[in-house]
Each structure stands twice: as structure tokens, then as C-alpha cells.
């Protein structure tokens, strides 16, 4: 009987009978109709229970079937689709309340769905979950409370209890950018079309001239031969060069305490991890090699640059295990790790966060040493909470003080960019939500300019 629940309709009917009995105490003529109503409620209650707990051939244990359909893993920071399939095997329509016991990390108590399912029909419920931390998430049972058309009681069915699902870096975001890159539609998510300033010397093919081609690439000898050939046309022939391939792109991820700062539920480390996954995949699609180095007060994970099959899977597994530390980052150890393990000139994308100019200047000697041997891009984050103070109207003295302080911090961030550029180090100051797009833009810009 643990699966039997009385409904609101039953309690309303019972309350009406009780009120009728109270009235019958003063008006004895009402007693017989009220007792008749009480008997009717009891008969309907028994009938309702019999309908819901009928033998197996009329329903029984398989009267309602429920199933939760989702991926083997969830993507951190992305909206993951969850599907609930409900099947009604009763010979009559039912009303259901479906309660999905989602992991406690989501802190949600509103995953309840009310539906009406006809006899022998199937209903599909769709909703989304957005995790904000990597790790293992345990789902509870899928509870389905079914009621017959009488609606006096409900029967509970439980399915799929105790399923554990890991939450990985956002592979959904990676797949989205991968599909857009394959179909040359990256501009739809903000990736810019960058005009090629230079060109590599890696010749690919001859092709007819099209509007927008660099006139310096015209091959006059091939054009002359085409003009003297039978069935000649007046089209010019140009040399077509392809991007240099097999270049190394390393993402360096700071795991120190500066990366614990949260933004929209995700830490800066998780934003950096998600961006690393996408940028590495784009690099491999561009025929470059992707590698990874994580660091804090001690050396972290190291994944040599590669583009062979399985590289993205290994990268995903390594990123899944990364956690922030509480101590200050040791950039000297980072420099030594890069010096010993990255022998070929590479693009180093350093994800970190500098809040003050003095904090950056303490690490500047090591950044300059890395920039001497490699192309270094330092990516750090805007404090978007300051924007509320900068945009707010100043009505009181306190507002003026808050806005002045916010402007000082924002100005210091911009000063860090100028100081890095002064020493030939590329810098990218970005809001966390724009990190992935802005980093891809920088990578494509470097490729177009032939800097790598």
C-alpha cells in the first residue's frame, strides 16, 4: 500500500460528507441522503483502487511504463536535453504527475510535469538541465503518479533509480563549433571573417581568378599558356596557397585561486576548460596539433601536441579531472615545463586572470621568456560585475565612490593589456561568456597573418 496516495478530490468529497453530517445533526431529514453519499464515495474509492491495481492482464505491474532517456554524460555549462517517455497500458485514459528526482547539485524542486495520456498511448516530456560543476551526478527515481478518470486515488510507479552520470567539459559546445566550422558558418556565433594579410609559401593549386583575390598571386605564365590553348578563355590564373599545417597549439590553463571566481554559476576555470576544448578541436580541423598544459603552485597535466585520432578523447578525459587550487600560481614552474616539453615554436594560449597591474608585473619576466621562443597569447577576464556600477546613474556620494572605484579597476585591466603589448606579448581581455568566440578569433587571426 506504499504506492497508494489519496488525492485532493477524495478529501474534498470526504469534507462534503462531513459537512453534510454536521448539517444532518440539526436537520435529521438530511441524514439519509448524506449516508447515501458516504456509501457512494466508499464504493467509488474501492472501484478506483480496483481499476488502478487490476490484475496483470488488465494493467498490473506493467500498467504504466516510464523511461528517462539522456546521454551517457552531461556537458558542463550547456543545456542538456532530458526526455521522459511514458506509456499507458491501461484500458482507460489516465492523468499523471511525473516527478524526476534530479541530482542535488541542481538545487531544483520544480521538476514536476502534469499530463493526460489516452489508453494505449505514449507521452514524451522534454526538459533541460544545465550543470555548473564537473564530476559525478546521481539521478534518483523517475516517479509517475497515475490516476484513473475517477481521480480519488493515485498509484505510484518508480523507474530507473540510482543512475550516476558524469559531467564533462562542454562537448556540446565543441560539437556546435565543429559543425559550424565544417560548413564555414562560424560567423553565425560571432567568429569574424579575417582578411589574410600575408600568405604561407605552401602552394596548393592553380585556379581561375575571382573577385577579391590578391592581384599579386596572378600566375602570368599559366595565364599566357591558357590564352594560347584551344578553346581559350580570358580568365586569369592565380596561385592558391593553403595555410601551413601541423603547427602546434598549446593551451596553458592556470588552476590557481584566481580562477575560482564564479560567473553565472561556472568558475573561470570551467570557462577556460570549455574554451580549450573548442579551440583545440578547431585547431585539429585546421590540420594543426593541439596540446595541453595545466599548472598551479606545482606542475599539472601535460598532453603533448598531436592531431591523430583519439586526441580529443584524451583531452576531454584530462580536462574532466582538473580542479582549482587555493595557492598562488608559480609561473616559474610553468616556464620550466614549457622549456622542457615544448621544443618547437608554438602558439601558447595562456588562460589566467590578472586583477592588478602589479600582480601581472610579478609574472612578466617568465611571460617574456616564453614569448621569446613562442607566440604567446595571454587571455584574462573582465570583471563583468563592475559594469553595473559603471553604467548606473550617480545619485549619491556613495554612487560616485562606487563608480570611481569600478572605473579604477577597469582601467587597470586595460593597462595590463597595454603593458603586455609593450613587450610583444599578445593579450586578450574578454568577458567570460565571450571567451570561446574571442579566443577562436585570435587563433584565426594569427593563422591569417602567418604569425605561428
Protein backbone atom coordinates (compact mmCIF):
# COMPACT_ATOMS: atom_id res chain seq x y z
CA UNK A 1 0.00 0.00 0.00
CA UNK A 2 3.03 2.31 -0.03
CA UNK A 3 2.29 3.12 -3.64
CA UNK A 4 -1.29 4.28 -2.89
CA UNK A 5 -1.95 8.02 -2.46
CA UNK A 6 -5.24 9.79 -1.76
CA UNK A 7 -5.99 12.74 -4.00
CA UNK A 8 -7.38 16.18 -3.37
CA UNK A 9 -10.66 15.11 -4.98
CA UNK A 10 -11.10 12.40 -2.35
CA UNK A 11 -10.53 14.82 0.52
CA UNK A 12 -12.98 17.33 -0.98
CA UNK A 13 -15.63 14.59 -1.27
CA UNK A 14 -14.93 13.48 2.30
CA UNK A 15 -15.15 17.08 3.54
CA UNK A 16 -18.52 17.48 1.81
CA UNK A 17 -19.79 14.33 3.55
CA UNK A 18 -18.57 15.59 6.95
CA UNK A 19 -20.31 18.93 6.42
CA UNK A 20 -23.45 17.05 5.40
CA UNK A 21 -23.33 15.03 8.63
CA UNK A 22 -22.98 18.23 10.67
CA UNK A 23 -25.99 19.72 8.90
CA UNK A 24 -27.91 16.45 9.41
CA UNK A 25 -27.39 16.79 13.17
CA UNK A 26 -29.63 19.85 13.06
CA UNK A 27 -31.81 18.70 10.15
CA UNK A 28 -32.47 14.96 10.64
CA UNK A 29 -34.12 14.73 7.22
CA UNK A 30 -30.70 15.16 5.58
CA UNK A 31 -29.17 12.12 7.25
CA UNK A 32 -30.31 9.54 4.71
CA UNK A 33 -29.01 11.41 1.61
CA UNK A 34 -25.71 12.10 3.36
CA UNK A 35 -25.28 8.45 4.34
CA UNK A 36 -26.09 7.50 0.75
CA UNK A 37 -23.41 9.93 -0.46
CA UNK A 38 -20.94 8.44 2.02
CA UNK A 39 -21.65 4.97 0.73
CA UNK A 40 -21.25 6.18 -2.85
CA UNK A 41 -17.84 7.69 -2.03
CA UNK A 42 -16.76 4.40 -0.41
CA UNK A 43 -17.92 2.36 -3.43
CA UNK A 44 -16.14 4.73 -5.86
CA UNK A 45 -12.99 4.56 -3.74
CA UNK A 46 -12.96 0.77 -3.86
CA UNK A 47 -13.69 0.83 -7.59
CA UNK A 48 -10.89 3.34 -8.21
CA UNK A 49 -8.40 1.20 -6.31
CA UNK A 50 -9.55 -1.88 -8.21
CA UNK A 51 -9.04 -0.10 -11.55
CA UNK A 52 -5.50 1.00 -10.69
CA UNK A 53 -4.47 -2.33 -9.14
CA UNK A 54 -6.21 -4.60 -11.62
CA UNK A 55 -4.61 -7.98 -12.50
CA UNK A 56 -1.67 -8.08 -14.86
CA UNK A 57 -3.72 -8.79 -17.96
CA UNK A 58 -5.61 -5.52 -17.39
CA UNK A 59 -2.66 -3.45 -16.26
CA UNK A 60 -0.96 -4.75 -13.14
CA UNK A 61 2.73 -4.07 -12.62
CA UNK A 62 3.19 -3.05 -16.24
CA UNK A 63 0.20 -0.74 -16.37
CA UNK A 64 2.43 2.33 -16.74
CA UNK A 65 5.93 2.31 -18.15
CA UNK A 66 8.38 5.18 -17.75
CA UNK A 67 11.90 5.73 -19.04
CA UNK A 68 14.42 8.55 -18.77
CA UNK A 69 16.42 9.00 -21.96
CA UNK A 70 19.63 11.05 -21.81
CA UNK A 71 23.28 10.87 -22.83
CA UNK A 72 25.92 8.80 -21.10
CA UNK A 73 27.45 12.09 -19.91
CA UNK A 74 26.34 15.70 -19.46
CA UNK A 75 28.08 18.81 -20.79
CA UNK A 76 29.17 21.34 -18.20
CA UNK A 77 27.76 24.83 -18.72
CA UNK A 78 25.44 23.75 -21.56
CA UNK A 79 21.73 22.96 -21.70
CA UNK A 80 21.43 19.17 -21.82
CA UNK A 81 18.21 17.64 -23.18
CA UNK A 82 16.39 15.12 -20.98
CA UNK A 83 13.48 13.08 -22.39
CA UNK A 84 10.91 11.21 -20.29
CA UNK A 85 8.88 8.55 -22.12
CA UNK A 86 5.59 7.47 -20.53
CA UNK A 87 3.39 4.65 -21.81
CA UNK A 88 -0.18 4.00 -20.67
CA UNK A 89 -1.07 0.29 -20.80
CA UNK A 90 -4.41 0.77 -19.06
CA UNK A 91 -7.69 0.38 -20.95
CA UNK A 92 -8.73 3.89 -19.92
CA UNK A 93 -7.09 7.32 -20.04
CA UNK A 94 -5.09 8.42 -17.02
CA UNK A 95 -3.85 11.69 -15.56
CA UNK A 96 -0.24 11.61 -14.43
CA UNK A 97 2.10 13.65 -12.27
CA UNK A 98 5.71 12.90 -13.15
CA UNK A 99 8.44 13.78 -10.67
CA UNK A 100 12.03 13.29 -11.78
CA UNK A 101 14.50 13.10 -8.89
CA UNK A 102 17.38 15.08 -10.39
CA UNK A 103 20.83 15.33 -8.69
CA UNK A 104 21.10 17.55 -5.64
CA UNK A 105 23.72 19.74 -7.35
CA UNK A 106 20.99 21.45 -9.38
CA UNK A 107 19.07 22.55 -6.26
CA UNK A 108 15.77 22.41 -8.13
CA UNK A 109 12.46 21.21 -6.74
CA UNK A 110 10.26 22.11 -9.70
CA UNK A 111 10.81 19.10 -11.97
CA UNK A 112 7.16 18.08 -11.93
CA UNK A 113 5.03 17.55 -15.03
CA UNK A 114 1.27 17.00 -15.29
CA UNK A 115 -0.05 15.16 -18.33
CA UNK A 116 -3.12 13.40 -19.71
CA UNK A 117 -2.37 10.12 -21.53
CA UNK A 118 -5.01 8.25 -23.51
CA UNK A 119 -5.49 4.49 -23.35
CA UNK A 120 -2.57 2.70 -25.02
CA UNK A 121 -0.81 5.96 -25.88
CA UNK A 122 2.69 7.32 -25.28
CA UNK A 123 3.69 10.75 -24.00
CA UNK A 124 7.12 12.39 -24.31
CA UNK A 125 8.22 15.05 -21.80
CA UNK A 126 11.22 17.21 -22.66
CA UNK A 127 13.19 19.47 -20.34
CA UNK A 128 16.77 20.69 -19.93
CA UNK A 129 19.42 20.67 -17.20
CA UNK A 130 22.46 22.96 -17.04
CA UNK A 131 25.19 21.66 -14.71
CA UNK A 132 27.80 24.14 -13.48
CA UNK A 133 30.36 21.76 -11.94
CA UNK A 134 32.25 18.81 -13.33
CA UNK A 135 32.01 15.46 -11.53
CA UNK A 136 29.54 12.63 -10.98
CA UNK A 137 25.82 13.40 -10.68
CA UNK A 138 23.41 10.81 -9.28
CA UNK A 139 19.84 10.73 -10.53
CA UNK A 140 17.13 9.30 -8.29
CA UNK A 141 13.99 7.52 -9.37
CA UNK A 142 11.53 8.59 -12.03
CA UNK A 143 8.20 8.73 -10.15
CA UNK A 144 4.92 8.54 -12.04
CA UNK A 145 1.67 9.06 -10.10
CA UNK A 146 -1.23 7.74 -12.18
CA UNK A 147 -4.93 8.46 -11.55
CA UNK A 148 -7.99 6.99 -13.26
CA UNK A 149 -10.89 9.14 -14.53
CA UNK A 150 -12.49 8.80 -11.05
CA UNK A 151 -9.48 10.59 -9.58
CA UNK A 152 -9.96 9.60 -5.91
CA UNK A 153 -6.61 7.81 -5.53
CA UNK A 154 -3.30 7.67 -7.36
CA UNK A 155 -0.86 4.84 -7.83
CA UNK A 156 2.88 5.49 -7.81
CA UNK A 157 5.25 3.82 -10.26
CA UNK A 158 9.04 4.14 -9.86
CA UNK A 159 11.63 3.64 -12.61
CA UNK A 160 15.40 3.90 -13.10
CA UNK A 161 16.57 4.67 -9.56
CA UNK A 162 20.22 5.38 -8.77
CA UNK A 163 21.75 6.24 -12.15
CA UNK A 164 25.15 8.01 -11.99
CA UNK A 165 26.11 10.29 -14.90
CA UNK A 166 29.46 12.12 -15.22
CA UNK A 167 29.53 15.81 -16.17
CA UNK A 168 32.33 16.55 -18.63
CA UNK A 169 33.58 19.83 -20.13
CA UNK A 170 31.13 21.15 -22.67
CA UNK A 171 31.45 18.70 -25.56
CA UNK A 172 28.08 20.02 -26.82
CA UNK A 173 29.65 23.43 -27.39
CA UNK A 174 32.60 21.73 -29.07
CA UNK A 175 30.31 19.84 -31.46
CA UNK A 176 28.37 23.01 -32.24
CA UNK A 177 31.51 24.89 -33.28
CA UNK A 178 32.81 21.83 -35.12
CA UNK A 179 29.70 21.60 -37.29
CA UNK A 180 29.77 25.33 -37.99
CA UNK A 181 33.46 25.15 -38.90
CA UNK A 182 32.89 22.23 -41.27
CA UNK A 183 30.14 24.16 -43.08
CA UNK A 184 32.02 27.52 -42.93
CA UNK A 185 29.30 29.09 -40.75
CA UNK A 186 31.37 30.20 -37.75
CA UNK A 187 30.26 33.79 -38.37
CA UNK A 188 26.82 32.84 -37.04
CA UNK A 189 28.25 32.64 -33.49
CA UNK A 190 30.44 35.74 -33.75
CA UNK A 191 33.65 34.36 -35.27
CA UNK A 192 34.93 37.01 -37.66
CA UNK A 193 35.98 36.58 -41.24
CA UNK A 194 39.57 37.77 -41.14
CA UNK A 195 41.25 39.19 -44.22
CA UNK A 196 44.52 37.44 -44.96
CA UNK A 197 47.37 39.91 -44.57
CA UNK A 198 50.17 37.59 -45.69
CA UNK A 199 50.33 34.11 -47.09
CA UNK A 200 52.30 30.98 -46.48
CA UNK A 201 54.58 29.62 -49.15
CA UNK A 202 52.79 26.26 -49.18
CA UNK A 203 51.45 26.09 -52.74
CA UNK A 204 48.25 24.09 -53.25
CA UNK A 205 46.86 24.58 -56.78
CA UNK A 206 46.16 26.87 -59.75
CA UNK A 207 42.66 28.20 -60.16
CA UNK A 208 40.78 30.94 -62.09
CA UNK A 209 40.87 34.45 -60.69
CA UNK A 210 37.82 35.53 -58.69
CA UNK A 211 36.84 38.94 -57.39
CA UNK A 212 38.71 39.71 -54.19
CA UNK A 213 41.85 37.67 -54.96
CA UNK A 214 45.19 39.38 -54.40
CA UNK A 215 46.48 40.54 -57.84
CA UNK A 216 49.99 39.65 -56.69
CA UNK A 217 49.06 35.96 -56.81
CA UNK A 218 48.33 36.03 -60.56
CA UNK A 219 50.44 33.46 -62.40
CA UNK A 220 51.18 35.22 -65.69
CA UNK A 221 52.89 32.22 -67.28
CA UNK A 222 49.92 29.94 -66.60
CA UNK A 223 47.59 32.67 -67.86
CA UNK A 224 49.58 33.03 -71.09
CA UNK A 225 49.59 29.27 -71.69
CA UNK A 226 45.82 29.19 -71.14
CA UNK A 227 45.32 32.06 -73.59
CA UNK A 228 47.16 30.21 -76.39
CA UNK A 229 45.45 26.90 -75.77
CA UNK A 230 42.47 25.71 -77.88
CA UNK A 231 39.10 26.90 -76.59
CA UNK A 232 40.92 29.52 -74.54
CA UNK A 233 39.15 31.95 -72.22
CA UNK A 234 40.18 35.36 -70.93
CA UNK A 235 40.21 34.23 -67.29
CA UNK A 236 43.34 34.98 -65.31
CA UNK A 237 45.03 32.16 -63.39
CA UNK A 238 46.16 32.65 -59.81
CA UNK A 239 48.28 30.64 -57.42
CA UNK A 240 46.31 29.32 -54.48
CA UNK A 241 48.16 28.83 -51.20
CA UNK A 242 46.95 26.84 -48.23
CA UNK A 243 47.51 27.50 -44.57
CA UNK A 244 50.62 25.97 -43.12
CA UNK A 245 49.74 22.75 -41.35
CA UNK A 246 50.99 20.69 -38.44
CA UNK A 247 51.67 23.76 -36.29
CA UNK A 248 51.44 23.29 -32.54
CA UNK A 249 48.78 24.99 -30.43
CA UNK A 250 49.13 24.58 -26.66
CA UNK A 251 46.51 25.73 -24.18
CA UNK A 252 48.03 26.63 -20.80
CA UNK A 253 45.39 26.64 -18.04
CA UNK A 254 46.01 28.35 -14.71
CA UNK A 255 44.45 26.34 -11.85
CA UNK A 256 45.36 28.79 -9.08
CA UNK A 257 43.00 30.57 -6.75
CA UNK A 258 42.44 33.45 -9.21
CA UNK A 259 40.45 31.02 -11.38
CA UNK A 260 37.91 30.19 -8.69
CA UNK A 261 35.91 33.36 -9.32
CA UNK A 262 32.34 32.42 -10.36
CA UNK A 263 30.31 33.86 -13.23
CA UNK A 264 26.76 32.67 -13.95
CA UNK A 265 27.36 29.54 -11.90
CA UNK A 266 30.59 28.48 -13.65
CA UNK A 267 34.08 29.19 -12.32
CA UNK A 268 36.63 30.90 -14.56
CA UNK A 269 38.49 27.58 -14.69
CA UNK A 270 35.44 25.89 -16.22
CA UNK A 271 35.13 28.66 -18.81
CA UNK A 272 38.80 28.17 -19.68
CA UNK A 273 38.35 24.39 -19.90
CA UNK A 274 35.33 24.69 -22.20
CA UNK A 275 37.18 27.19 -24.42
CA UNK A 276 40.24 24.92 -24.53
CA UNK A 277 38.12 22.02 -25.73
CA UNK A 278 36.59 24.07 -28.56
CA UNK A 279 39.81 25.81 -29.65
CA UNK A 280 41.75 22.53 -29.67
CA UNK A 281 39.09 20.92 -31.84
CA UNK A 282 39.11 23.88 -34.25
CA UNK A 283 42.92 23.66 -34.41
CA UNK A 284 42.76 19.98 -35.32
CA UNK A 285 40.16 20.76 -38.01
CA UNK A 286 42.66 23.30 -39.36
CA UNK A 287 45.24 20.45 -39.53
CA UNK A 288 47.24 21.80 -36.58
CA UNK A 289 48.29 19.89 -33.47
CA UNK A 290 46.58 20.56 -30.13
CA UNK A 291 48.25 20.15 -26.74
CA UNK A 292 47.55 20.99 -23.11
CA UNK A 293 49.50 22.10 -20.03
CA UNK A 294 47.81 22.81 -16.68
CA UNK A 295 49.65 24.41 -13.78
CA UNK A 296 49.22 25.96 -10.33
CA UNK A 297 51.74 26.08 -7.47
CA UNK A 298 53.02 22.77 -8.84
CA UNK A 299 53.13 21.16 -12.30
CA UNK A 300 49.81 19.78 -13.55
CA UNK A 301 48.70 17.70 -16.51
CA UNK A 302 50.70 17.58 -19.73
CA UNK A 303 49.31 16.38 -23.05
CA UNK A 304 51.80 16.66 -25.96
CA UNK A 305 50.51 18.36 -29.08
CA UNK A 306 49.00 15.87 -31.53
CA UNK A 307 46.23 15.60 -34.09
CA UNK A 308 45.88 11.84 -34.51
CA UNK A 309 42.66 10.01 -33.78
CA UNK A 310 41.79 9.90 -30.11
CA UNK A 311 43.46 13.22 -29.27
CA UNK A 312 40.17 14.95 -28.41
CA UNK A 313 39.03 11.99 -26.32
CA UNK A 314 42.26 12.07 -24.30
CA UNK A 315 41.98 15.83 -23.95
CA UNK A 316 38.41 15.53 -22.69
CA UNK A 317 39.41 12.95 -20.07
CA UNK A 318 42.31 15.09 -18.82
CA UNK A 319 40.18 18.26 -18.62
CA UNK A 320 37.46 16.38 -16.73
CA UNK A 321 39.81 15.79 -13.80
CA UNK A 322 41.15 19.34 -13.40
CA UNK A 323 40.34 21.29 -10.22
CA UNK A 324 41.32 24.70 -8.90
CA UNK A 325 43.87 25.04 -6.11
CA UNK A 326 43.91 27.51 -3.22
CA UNK A 327 47.58 28.60 -3.50
CA UNK A 328 49.16 31.23 -5.73
CA UNK A 329 50.31 30.09 -9.17
CA UNK A 330 54.03 29.50 -9.74
CA UNK A 331 54.87 30.88 -13.20
CA UNK A 332 58.50 29.86 -12.88
CA UNK A 333 57.42 26.21 -12.86
CA UNK A 334 55.24 26.90 -15.90
CA UNK A 335 58.20 28.39 -17.79
CA UNK A 336 60.37 25.37 -16.93
CA UNK A 337 57.64 22.98 -18.05
CA UNK A 338 57.23 24.79 -21.38
CA UNK A 339 61.00 24.99 -21.86
CA UNK A 340 61.46 21.25 -21.29
CA UNK A 341 58.42 19.92 -23.14
CA UNK A 342 57.66 22.33 -26.00
CA UNK A 343 60.73 22.36 -28.24
CA UNK A 344 59.09 23.55 -31.48
CA UNK A 345 57.87 27.14 -31.88
CA UNK A 346 54.18 27.01 -30.97
CA UNK A 347 51.15 29.13 -30.23
CA UNK A 348 50.71 29.24 -26.44
CA UNK A 349 47.25 30.33 -25.28
CA UNK A 350 47.54 31.11 -21.57
CA UNK A 351 44.22 31.22 -19.68
CA UNK A 352 44.68 33.10 -16.40
CA UNK A 353 43.31 36.12 -14.56
CA UNK A 354 45.21 39.25 -13.54
CA UNK A 355 43.28 41.61 -11.28
CA UNK A 356 46.06 44.18 -10.76
CA UNK A 357 48.95 45.55 -12.77
CA UNK A 358 51.41 44.72 -10.00
CA UNK A 359 50.21 41.11 -9.98
CA UNK A 360 50.93 40.82 -13.69
CA UNK A 361 54.33 42.52 -13.40
CA UNK A 362 55.48 39.90 -10.88
CA UNK A 363 54.96 37.26 -13.57
CA UNK A 364 56.14 39.38 -16.51
CA UNK A 365 59.75 38.06 -16.60
CA UNK A 366 58.51 34.49 -17.14
CA UNK A 367 55.95 35.61 -19.74
CA UNK A 368 58.67 37.47 -21.67
CA UNK A 369 60.89 34.38 -21.67
CA UNK A 370 58.08 32.24 -23.10
CA UNK A 371 57.22 34.91 -25.68
CA UNK A 372 60.87 34.91 -26.82
CA UNK A 373 60.62 31.31 -28.08
CA UNK A 374 56.89 31.05 -28.85
CA UNK A 375 53.89 33.08 -29.92
CA UNK A 376 52.22 33.82 -26.57
CA UNK A 377 48.60 34.92 -26.15
CA UNK A 378 47.59 35.83 -22.59
CA UNK A 379 43.82 35.53 -22.06
CA UNK A 380 42.32 37.02 -18.91
CA UNK A 381 38.88 38.11 -17.83
CA UNK A 382 36.87 41.28 -17.39
CA UNK A 383 35.09 41.69 -14.09
CA UNK A 384 31.59 41.97 -15.51
CA UNK A 385 30.11 42.81 -12.11
CA UNK A 386 31.83 46.20 -12.37
CA UNK A 387 29.71 47.05 -15.40
CA UNK A 388 26.66 47.52 -13.17
CA UNK A 389 28.50 50.24 -11.24
CA UNK A 390 29.91 51.89 -14.37
CA UNK A 391 26.51 52.07 -16.09
CA UNK A 392 24.46 53.05 -13.04
CA UNK A 393 23.42 56.71 -12.59
CA UNK A 394 25.29 58.57 -9.83
CA UNK A 395 22.67 59.95 -7.46
CA UNK A 396 24.50 59.93 -4.15
CA UNK A 397 28.03 60.37 -2.86
CA UNK A 398 28.23 56.60 -2.34
CA UNK A 399 27.33 56.04 -6.01
CA UNK A 400 30.14 58.37 -7.08
CA UNK A 401 32.59 56.48 -4.87
CA UNK A 402 31.47 53.08 -6.22
CA UNK A 403 31.69 54.23 -9.81
CA UNK A 404 35.12 55.77 -9.33
CA UNK A 405 36.44 52.59 -7.72
CA UNK A 406 34.94 50.44 -10.50
CA UNK A 407 36.49 52.67 -13.16
CA UNK A 408 39.88 52.36 -11.46
CA UNK A 409 39.75 48.56 -11.61
CA UNK A 410 38.52 48.58 -15.22
CA UNK A 411 41.30 50.99 -16.21
CA UNK A 412 43.90 48.77 -14.56
CA UNK A 413 42.73 45.81 -16.66
CA UNK A 414 43.20 47.85 -19.81
CA UNK A 415 46.62 48.96 -18.57
CA UNK A 416 47.63 45.30 -18.23
CA UNK A 417 46.81 44.77 -21.92
CA UNK A 418 48.94 47.76 -22.94
CA UNK A 419 51.83 46.65 -20.73
CA UNK A 420 51.83 43.14 -22.23
CA UNK A 421 51.67 44.52 -25.77
CA UNK A 422 54.63 46.78 -24.99
CA UNK A 423 56.79 43.70 -24.53
CA UNK A 424 55.50 41.95 -27.66
CA UNK A 425 53.06 39.69 -25.81
CA UNK A 426 49.60 39.38 -27.30
CA UNK A 427 46.77 39.92 -24.79
CA UNK A 428 43.04 39.28 -24.87
CA UNK A 429 40.75 40.85 -22.28
CA UNK A 430 37.32 39.26 -22.56
CA UNK A 431 34.08 38.70 -20.69
CA UNK A 432 33.66 35.06 -19.61
CA UNK A 433 30.61 34.47 -21.81
CA UNK A 434 32.57 35.63 -24.90
CA UNK A 435 35.74 33.70 -24.10
CA UNK A 436 35.36 30.91 -26.66
CA UNK A 437 34.44 33.12 -29.62
CA UNK A 438 37.13 35.72 -28.89
CA UNK A 439 39.82 33.06 -28.48
CA UNK A 440 38.88 31.42 -31.79
CA UNK A 441 39.01 34.83 -33.47
CA UNK A 442 42.54 35.38 -32.14
CA UNK A 443 43.69 31.94 -33.31
CA UNK A 444 42.28 32.50 -36.81
CA UNK A 445 43.82 35.99 -36.90
CA UNK A 446 47.26 34.56 -36.09
CA UNK A 447 46.79 31.93 -38.82
CA UNK A 448 45.74 34.56 -41.36
CA UNK A 449 48.71 36.80 -40.52
CA UNK A 450 51.15 33.89 -40.63
CA UNK A 451 52.45 34.59 -37.13
CA UNK A 452 52.57 30.99 -35.93
